[in-house]
C-alpha atoms as a PDB file:
ATOM      1  CA  MET A   1       8.253   5.691  35.721  1.00  0.00           C
ATOM      2  CA  GLN A   2       8.771   2.183  34.380  1.00  0.00           C
ATOM      3  CA  ALA A   3      12.142   0.979  33.138  1.00  0.00           C
ATOM      4  CA  ILE A   4      13.283  -1.586  30.616  1.00  0.00           C
ATOM      5  CA  ASN A   5      16.426  -3.582  31.259  1.00  0.00           C
ATOM      6  CA  ILE A   6      18.371  -4.551  28.171  1.00  0.00           C
ATOM      7  CA  GLN A   7      21.518  -6.625  28.481  1.00  0.00           C
ATOM      8  CA  ILE A   8      24.300  -6.039  25.981  1.00  0.00           C
ATOM      9  CA  PRO A   9      27.245  -8.453  26.231  1.00  0.00           C
ATOM     10  CA  ILE A  10      30.638  -6.717  26.164  1.00  0.00           C
ATOM     11  CA  GLU A  11      31.699  -8.694  23.084  1.00  0.00           C
ATOM     12  CA  LEU A  12      28.815  -7.146  21.135  1.00  0.00           C
ATOM     13  CA  ILE A  13      29.994  -3.675  22.039  1.00  0.00           C
ATOM     14  CA  GLU A  14      33.381  -4.631  20.654  1.00  0.00           C
ATOM     15  CA  GLN A  15      31.694  -5.799  17.413  1.00  0.00           C
ATOM     16  CA  GLY A  16      30.284  -2.354  16.777  1.00  0.00           C
ATOM     17  CA  GLU A  17      27.111  -0.337  16.524  1.00  0.00           C
ATOM     18  CA  THR A  18      25.186  -2.698  14.236  1.00  0.00           C
ATOM     19  CA  ALA A  19      25.643  -5.656  16.599  1.00  0.00           C
ATOM     20  CA  VAL A  20      24.468  -3.562  19.548  1.00  0.00           C
ATOM     21  CA  LEU A  21      21.408  -2.260  17.681  1.00  0.00           C
ATOM     22  CA  GLU A  22      20.525  -5.787  16.558  1.00  0.00           C
ATOM     23  CA  GLN A  23      20.642  -6.973  20.165  1.00  0.00           C
ATOM     24  CA  ILE A  24      18.469  -4.091  21.342  1.00  0.00           C
ATOM     25  CA  ALA A  25      15.917  -4.661  18.583  1.00  0.00           C
ATOM     26  CA  MET A  26      15.763  -8.400  19.247  1.00  0.00           C
ATOM     27  CA  GLN A  27      15.296  -7.919  22.990  1.00  0.00           C
ATOM     28  CA  LEU A  28      12.587  -5.304  22.510  1.00  0.00           C
ATOM     29  CA  TYR A  29      10.807  -7.647  20.100  1.00  0.00           C
ATOM     30  CA  GLU A  30      11.248 -10.795  22.179  1.00  0.00           C
ATOM     31  CA  ASN A  31       9.880  -9.010  25.261  1.00  0.00           C
ATOM     32  CA  LYS A  32       6.877  -7.757  23.249  1.00  0.00           C
ATOM     33  CA  ILE A  33       7.807  -4.117  23.752  1.00  0.00           C
ATOM     34  CA  PHE A  34       8.225  -3.570  20.005  1.00  0.00           C
ATOM     35  CA  THR A  35       6.255  -5.219  17.247  1.00  0.00           C
ATOM     36  CA  PHE A  36       8.089  -6.995  14.448  1.00  0.00           C
ATOM     37  CA  SER A  37       7.737  -3.904  12.246  1.00  0.00           C
ATOM     38  CA  GLN A  38       8.973  -1.517  14.917  1.00  0.00           C
ATOM     39  CA  ALA A  39      12.004  -3.669  15.702  1.00  0.00           C
ATOM     40  CA  ARG A  40      12.992  -4.123  12.056  1.00  0.00           C
ATOM     41  CA  ARG A  41      12.552  -0.397  11.351  1.00  0.00           C
ATOM     42  CA  LEU A  42      14.883   0.396  14.257  1.00  0.00           C
ATOM     43  CA  LEU A  43      17.527  -1.487  12.271  1.00  0.00           C
ATOM     44  CA  ASN A  44      16.315  -0.282   8.875  1.00  0.00           C
ATOM     45  CA  TYR A  45      16.051  -3.964   7.849  1.00  0.00           C
ATOM     46  CA  SER A  46      13.656  -5.451   5.363  1.00  0.00           C
ATOM     47  CA  VAL A  47      11.092  -7.975   6.568  1.00  0.00           C
ATOM     48  CA  TRP A  48      13.303 -10.783   5.309  1.00  0.00           C
ATOM     49  CA  GLU A  49      16.523  -9.436   6.820  1.00  0.00           C
ATOM     50  CA  PHE A  50      14.951  -9.146  10.256  1.00  0.00           C
ATOM     51  CA  GLN A  51      13.275 -12.555   9.914  1.00  0.00           C
ATOM     52  CA  LYS A  52      16.691 -14.052   9.123  1.00  0.00           C
ATOM     53  CA  LEU A  53      18.268 -12.311  12.135  1.00  0.00           C
ATOM     54  CA  LEU A  54      15.573 -13.716  14.420  1.00  0.00           C
ATOM     55  CA  GLY A  55      16.079 -17.202  13.014  1.00  0.00           C
ATOM     56  CA  GLU A  56      19.851 -17.046  13.407  1.00  0.00           C
ATOM     57  CA  ASN A  57      19.332 -16.113  17.062  1.00  0.00           C
ATOM     58  CA  HIS A  58      16.598 -18.717  17.679  1.00  0.00           C
ATOM     59  CA  ILE A  59      13.938 -16.118  18.448  1.00  0.00           C
ATOM     60  CA  VAL A  60      10.438 -17.274  17.567  1.00  0.00           C
ATOM     61  CA  ARG A  61       8.446 -14.856  15.432  1.00  0.00           C
ATOM     62  CA  GLN A  62       5.335 -13.682  17.239  1.00  0.00           C
ATOM     63  CA  TYR A  63       2.703 -12.490  14.811  1.00  0.00           C
ATOM     64  CA  ASP A  64      -0.504 -11.098  16.236  1.00  0.00           C
ATOM     65  CA  LYS A  65      -3.341  -8.837  15.145  1.00  0.00           C
ATOM     66  CA  ASP A  66      -1.265  -5.700  15.809  1.00  0.00           C
ATOM     67  CA  ASP A  67       1.451  -6.961  13.465  1.00  0.00           C
ATOM     68  CA  LEU A  68      -1.154  -7.797  10.837  1.00  0.00           C
ATOM     69  CA  ALA A  69      -2.733  -4.340  11.161  1.00  0.00           C
ATOM     70  CA  GLU A  70       0.677  -2.676  10.769  1.00  0.00           C
ATOM     71  CA  ASP A  71       1.449  -4.780   7.695  1.00  0.00           C
ATOM     72  CA  ILE A  72      -1.913  -3.998   6.102  1.00  0.00           C
ATOM     73  CA  GLU A  73      -1.470  -0.286   6.745  1.00  0.00           C
ATOM     74  CA  ALA A  74       2.053  -0.335   5.306  1.00  0.00           C
ATOM     75  CA  ILE A  75       0.840  -2.161   2.193  1.00  0.00           C
ATOM     76  CA  GLN A  76      -2.009   0.320   1.713  1.00  0.00           C
ATOM     77  CA  LEU A  77       0.404   3.242   2.031  1.00  0.00           C
ATOM     78  CA  GLY A  78       2.900   1.613  -0.320  1.00  0.00           C
ATOM     79  CA  LEU A  79       5.504   1.425   2.421  1.00  0.00           C
ATOM     80  CA  TRP A  80       5.806  -2.332   2.768  1.00  0.00           C
ATOM     81  CA  ASP A  81       9.232  -3.527   1.723  1.00  0.00           C
ATOM     82  CA  GLY A  82       8.675  -7.251   2.103  1.00  0.00           C
END
């Protein structure tokens, strides 16, 4: 079984659940474990809200063919909330 190590600073735990979930989502995204869409859905953020969070934390957006395919599928299903 493989494991993923996620580091959550104590001060984030003191800031509450949203801060912890944001950190988890950003780490999963930055380490290419979650796509952009998966990470933002974990937080229930819009595309723009998650993009802003990444920018505020100096995390470069990685956009590949899997992200594009997810976006196209979401648009076709009427689920895209860009």
